[in-house]
């Protein structure tokens, strides 16, 4: 039996079987090169060329972010060592700026918030309010309550609408107790740091973001 010699060429997507050229299709079948339409081959080559640049750029951005956070971390450590102080607010948001005021780096910390069982207590109290208020209740508030506790496709409540409820100042003991239950139900389950870069030509100008996001370039 003749031995099968197989060689893969990731850069072109080709697979050589005993010297003959094939390409795997989406189902994993090896298709002889000569039977593939020229348009499909050209599309494949174009996507592979673009993806090679995309992978390289993605790795470069990842290294840049790592270097950025390291540099800022070293600066923060120096501040704490020399002046016994830290930069930024209690949640970790902080801004670094050049001496001439024309460039700045902003680090923003976004918290991921989940809700505990107290949220069900809040819903029960709010339902009681709506039943008693009946026709006298504000349609806007009724709609927000309905949307807040309607679960989305992932089975979670609508966080934006729940936060909207906290803005209403309603003098009803059950409403106030419901708002307290909502606040106590909030649990920070994690956080993520976002780094943004800005520059301006003069200190009187507005800050312009230095675009790194490809979708906004």
Protein backbone atom coordinates (compact mmCIF):
# COMPACT_ATOMS: atom_id res chain seq x y z
CA UNK A 1 0.00 0.00 0.00
CA UNK A 2 1.35 3.40 -1.01
CA UNK A 3 2.06 5.71 1.92
CA UNK A 4 0.04 8.90 2.00
CA UNK A 5 2.23 12.00 2.21
CA UNK A 6 0.21 14.94 3.51
CA UNK A 7 1.45 18.51 3.74
CA UNK A 8 -0.62 21.46 4.95
CA UNK A 9 0.01 25.03 3.81
CA UNK A 10 -1.83 27.34 6.26
CA UNK A 11 -0.84 30.51 4.41
CA UNK A 12 -2.72 29.42 1.26
CA UNK A 13 -5.22 27.02 2.82
CA UNK A 14 -4.01 24.24 0.57
CA UNK A 15 -3.39 20.63 1.52
CA UNK A 16 -0.97 18.54 -0.54
CA UNK A 17 -1.78 14.84 -0.71
CA UNK A 18 0.98 12.88 -2.45
CA UNK A 19 1.93 16.05 -4.29
CA UNK A 20 -1.62 16.87 -5.48
CA UNK A 21 -3.20 20.17 -4.39
CA UNK A 22 -6.50 20.25 -2.52
CA UNK A 23 -8.45 22.72 -0.40
CA UNK A 24 -10.83 21.72 2.41
CA UNK A 25 -14.35 23.07 2.03
CA UNK A 26 -16.62 24.21 4.88
CA UNK A 27 -17.59 20.58 5.57
CA UNK A 28 -13.99 19.40 5.77
CA UNK A 29 -13.98 17.64 2.41
CA UNK A 30 -10.78 17.91 0.37
CA UNK A 31 -11.61 19.46 -3.00
CA UNK A 32 -9.11 19.31 -5.88
CA UNK A 33 -7.77 22.78 -6.68
CA UNK A 34 -8.60 22.52 -10.38
CA UNK A 35 -12.31 21.98 -9.64
CA UNK A 36 -12.69 25.15 -7.54
CA UNK A 37 -14.14 28.16 -9.36
CA UNK A 38 -11.63 30.98 -10.00
CA UNK A 39 -13.94 33.48 -8.25
CA UNK A 40 -13.97 31.31 -5.11
CA UNK A 41 -10.18 30.99 -5.20
CA UNK A 42 -9.78 34.77 -5.58
CA UNK A 43 -12.19 35.41 -2.69
CA UNK A 44 -10.26 32.94 -0.52
CA UNK A 45 -6.93 34.62 -1.36
CA UNK A 46 -8.35 38.09 -0.66
CA UNK A 47 -9.74 37.13 2.76
CA UNK A 48 -6.50 35.36 3.75
CA UNK A 49 -4.47 38.43 2.75
CA UNK A 50 -6.70 40.76 4.81
CA UNK A 51 -6.77 38.40 7.80
CA UNK A 52 -2.98 38.20 7.86
CA UNK A 53 -2.82 41.99 8.31
CA UNK A 54 -5.74 41.91 10.81
CA UNK A 55 -4.06 39.26 12.98
CA UNK A 56 -0.80 41.21 12.97
CA UNK A 57 -2.56 44.47 13.86
CA UNK A 58 -4.60 42.79 16.61
CA UNK A 59 -1.42 41.40 18.18
CA UNK A 60 0.23 44.83 17.92
CA UNK A 61 -2.73 46.54 19.64
CA UNK A 62 -2.69 43.88 22.37
CA UNK A 63 1.02 44.50 22.98
CA UNK A 64 0.44 48.27 22.94
CA UNK A 65 -2.31 47.99 25.57
CA UNK A 66 -0.08 45.83 27.72
CA UNK A 67 2.79 48.32 27.52
CA UNK A 68 0.40 51.21 28.21
CA UNK A 69 -1.02 49.63 31.38
CA UNK A 70 2.49 48.70 32.54
CA UNK A 71 3.77 52.25 32.04
CA UNK A 72 0.79 53.75 33.87
CA UNK A 73 1.09 51.19 36.65
CA UNK A 74 4.76 52.03 37.14
CA UNK A 75 3.91 55.75 37.25
CA UNK A 76 1.17 55.10 39.84
CA UNK A 77 3.60 53.09 41.96
CA UNK A 78 6.13 55.93 41.78
CA UNK A 79 3.50 58.46 42.90
CA UNK A 80 2.51 56.27 45.83
CA UNK A 81 6.12 55.71 46.83
CA UNK A 82 7.25 59.32 46.53
CA UNK A 83 4.14 61.18 47.70
CA UNK A 84 2.10 58.52 49.51
CA UNK A 85 -0.86 59.23 47.24
CA UNK A 86 -2.71 57.56 44.40
CA UNK A 87 -4.14 58.99 41.20
CA UNK A 88 -7.82 58.84 40.31
CA UNK A 89 -11.15 58.40 42.00
CA UNK A 90 -12.47 55.67 44.30
CA UNK A 91 -13.60 53.47 41.38
CA UNK A 92 -10.21 53.57 39.69
CA UNK A 93 -10.98 56.13 36.98
CA UNK A 94 -7.95 58.29 36.33
CA UNK A 95 -6.53 60.75 33.81
CA UNK A 96 -2.91 61.47 32.86
CA UNK A 97 -1.97 64.65 30.97
CA UNK A 98 1.08 66.21 29.38
CA UNK A 99 2.55 69.34 30.95
CA UNK A 100 1.39 71.51 28.03
CA UNK A 101 -2.19 70.23 28.38
CA UNK A 102 -2.40 69.03 24.76
CA UNK A 103 -2.43 65.25 25.26
CA UNK A 104 -4.07 63.00 27.78
CA UNK A 105 -4.65 59.34 28.51
CA UNK A 106 -7.86 58.38 30.29
CA UNK A 107 -8.45 55.10 32.13
CA UNK A 108 -12.11 54.34 32.85
CA UNK A 109 -13.30 51.40 34.92
CA UNK A 110 -16.70 49.93 34.04
CA UNK A 111 -18.34 47.69 36.62
CA UNK A 112 -20.47 44.68 35.72
CA UNK A 113 -23.54 44.72 37.92
CA UNK A 114 -25.88 41.85 38.72
CA UNK A 115 -28.93 41.77 40.99
CA UNK A 116 -29.58 39.57 44.00
CA UNK A 117 -32.89 38.15 45.35
CA UNK A 118 -33.85 41.51 46.87
CA UNK A 119 -34.95 42.49 43.36
CA UNK A 120 -37.98 40.20 43.66
CA UNK A 121 -38.96 42.03 46.86
CA UNK A 122 -38.74 45.32 44.96
CA UNK A 123 -40.94 43.97 42.17
CA UNK A 124 -43.60 42.82 44.65
CA UNK A 125 -43.68 46.26 46.31
CA UNK A 126 -43.87 48.08 42.97
CA UNK A 127 -46.71 45.81 41.81
CA UNK A 128 -48.59 46.73 44.98
CA UNK A 129 -48.05 50.42 44.21
CA UNK A 130 -49.37 50.06 40.67
CA UNK A 131 -52.45 48.13 41.79
CA UNK A 132 -53.36 50.76 44.38
CA UNK A 133 -52.57 53.73 42.17
CA UNK A 134 -54.48 52.12 39.26
CA UNK A 135 -55.69 54.77 36.83
CA UNK A 136 -54.02 57.59 38.76
CA UNK A 137 -50.51 56.29 38.11
CA UNK A 138 -48.25 57.94 35.57
CA UNK A 139 -48.26 55.87 32.31
CA UNK A 140 -44.56 56.61 31.90
CA UNK A 141 -43.72 55.08 35.29
CA UNK A 142 -45.95 52.07 34.60
CA UNK A 143 -44.19 51.46 31.29
CA UNK A 144 -40.72 51.71 32.86
CA UNK A 145 -41.65 49.24 35.62
CA UNK A 146 -43.03 46.80 33.04
CA UNK A 147 -39.91 47.03 30.87
CA UNK A 148 -37.56 46.89 33.87
CA UNK A 149 -38.78 43.48 35.00
CA UNK A 150 -39.37 41.97 31.57
CA UNK A 151 -36.51 39.55 31.01
CA UNK A 152 -34.52 39.85 27.79
CA UNK A 153 -33.46 36.95 25.53
CA UNK A 154 -30.64 36.08 27.95
CA UNK A 155 -33.09 35.81 30.83
CA UNK A 156 -31.87 38.89 32.65
CA UNK A 157 -33.76 41.99 33.71
CA UNK A 158 -33.44 45.32 31.91
CA UNK A 159 -30.70 47.07 33.89
CA UNK A 160 -31.10 50.44 32.18
CA UNK A 161 -34.81 50.64 33.07
CA UNK A 162 -34.14 49.55 36.67
CA UNK A 163 -31.61 52.35 37.07
CA UNK A 164 -34.22 54.71 35.58
CA UNK A 165 -36.61 53.81 38.41
CA UNK A 166 -34.09 55.05 40.98
CA UNK A 167 -34.35 58.55 39.53
CA UNK A 168 -38.00 59.00 40.48
CA UNK A 169 -38.65 60.73 43.79
CA UNK A 170 -42.02 59.29 44.88
CA UNK A 171 -43.27 59.83 48.42
CA UNK A 172 -44.75 56.40 49.05
CA UNK A 173 -43.29 54.14 51.76
CA UNK A 174 -43.57 51.06 49.56
CA UNK A 175 -41.89 52.82 46.64
CA UNK A 176 -39.03 54.00 48.86
CA UNK A 177 -38.67 50.50 50.32
CA UNK A 178 -38.60 49.08 46.78
CA UNK A 179 -35.83 51.48 45.80
CA UNK A 180 -33.87 50.44 48.90
CA UNK A 181 -34.31 46.79 47.92
CA UNK A 182 -33.04 47.54 44.40
CA UNK A 183 -29.93 49.26 45.75
CA UNK A 184 -29.25 46.38 48.12
CA UNK A 185 -29.78 43.90 45.28
CA UNK A 186 -26.95 45.40 43.22
CA UNK A 187 -23.81 43.30 43.21
CA UNK A 188 -20.59 44.15 41.39
CA UNK A 189 -19.55 40.91 39.69
CA UNK A 190 -16.50 42.25 37.88
CA UNK A 191 -14.93 45.20 36.15
CA UNK A 192 -13.02 46.10 33.00
CA UNK A 193 -10.58 48.93 32.33
CA UNK A 194 -10.87 50.98 29.14
CA UNK A 195 -7.99 53.16 27.96
CA UNK A 196 -8.73 56.15 25.73
CA UNK A 197 -6.38 58.68 24.16
CA UNK A 198 -6.98 62.35 23.36
CA UNK A 199 -5.13 65.31 21.89
CA UNK A 200 -5.84 68.94 20.96
CA UNK A 201 -3.93 71.68 19.14
CA UNK A 202 -4.53 74.35 21.81
CA UNK A 203 -5.65 74.29 25.43
CA UNK A 204 -8.81 76.16 24.44
CA UNK A 205 -9.80 73.51 21.87
CA UNK A 206 -12.01 70.51 22.52
CA UNK A 207 -10.36 67.16 23.06
CA UNK A 208 -10.25 64.94 19.97
CA UNK A 209 -10.08 61.18 20.47
CA UNK A 210 -7.15 59.34 18.93
CA UNK A 211 -9.00 56.57 17.10
CA UNK A 212 -7.81 53.02 17.55
CA UNK A 213 -11.21 51.34 17.09
CA UNK A 214 -11.35 50.17 13.43
CA UNK A 215 -15.11 50.71 13.30
CA UNK A 216 -14.63 54.41 14.10
CA UNK A 217 -11.49 55.05 12.06
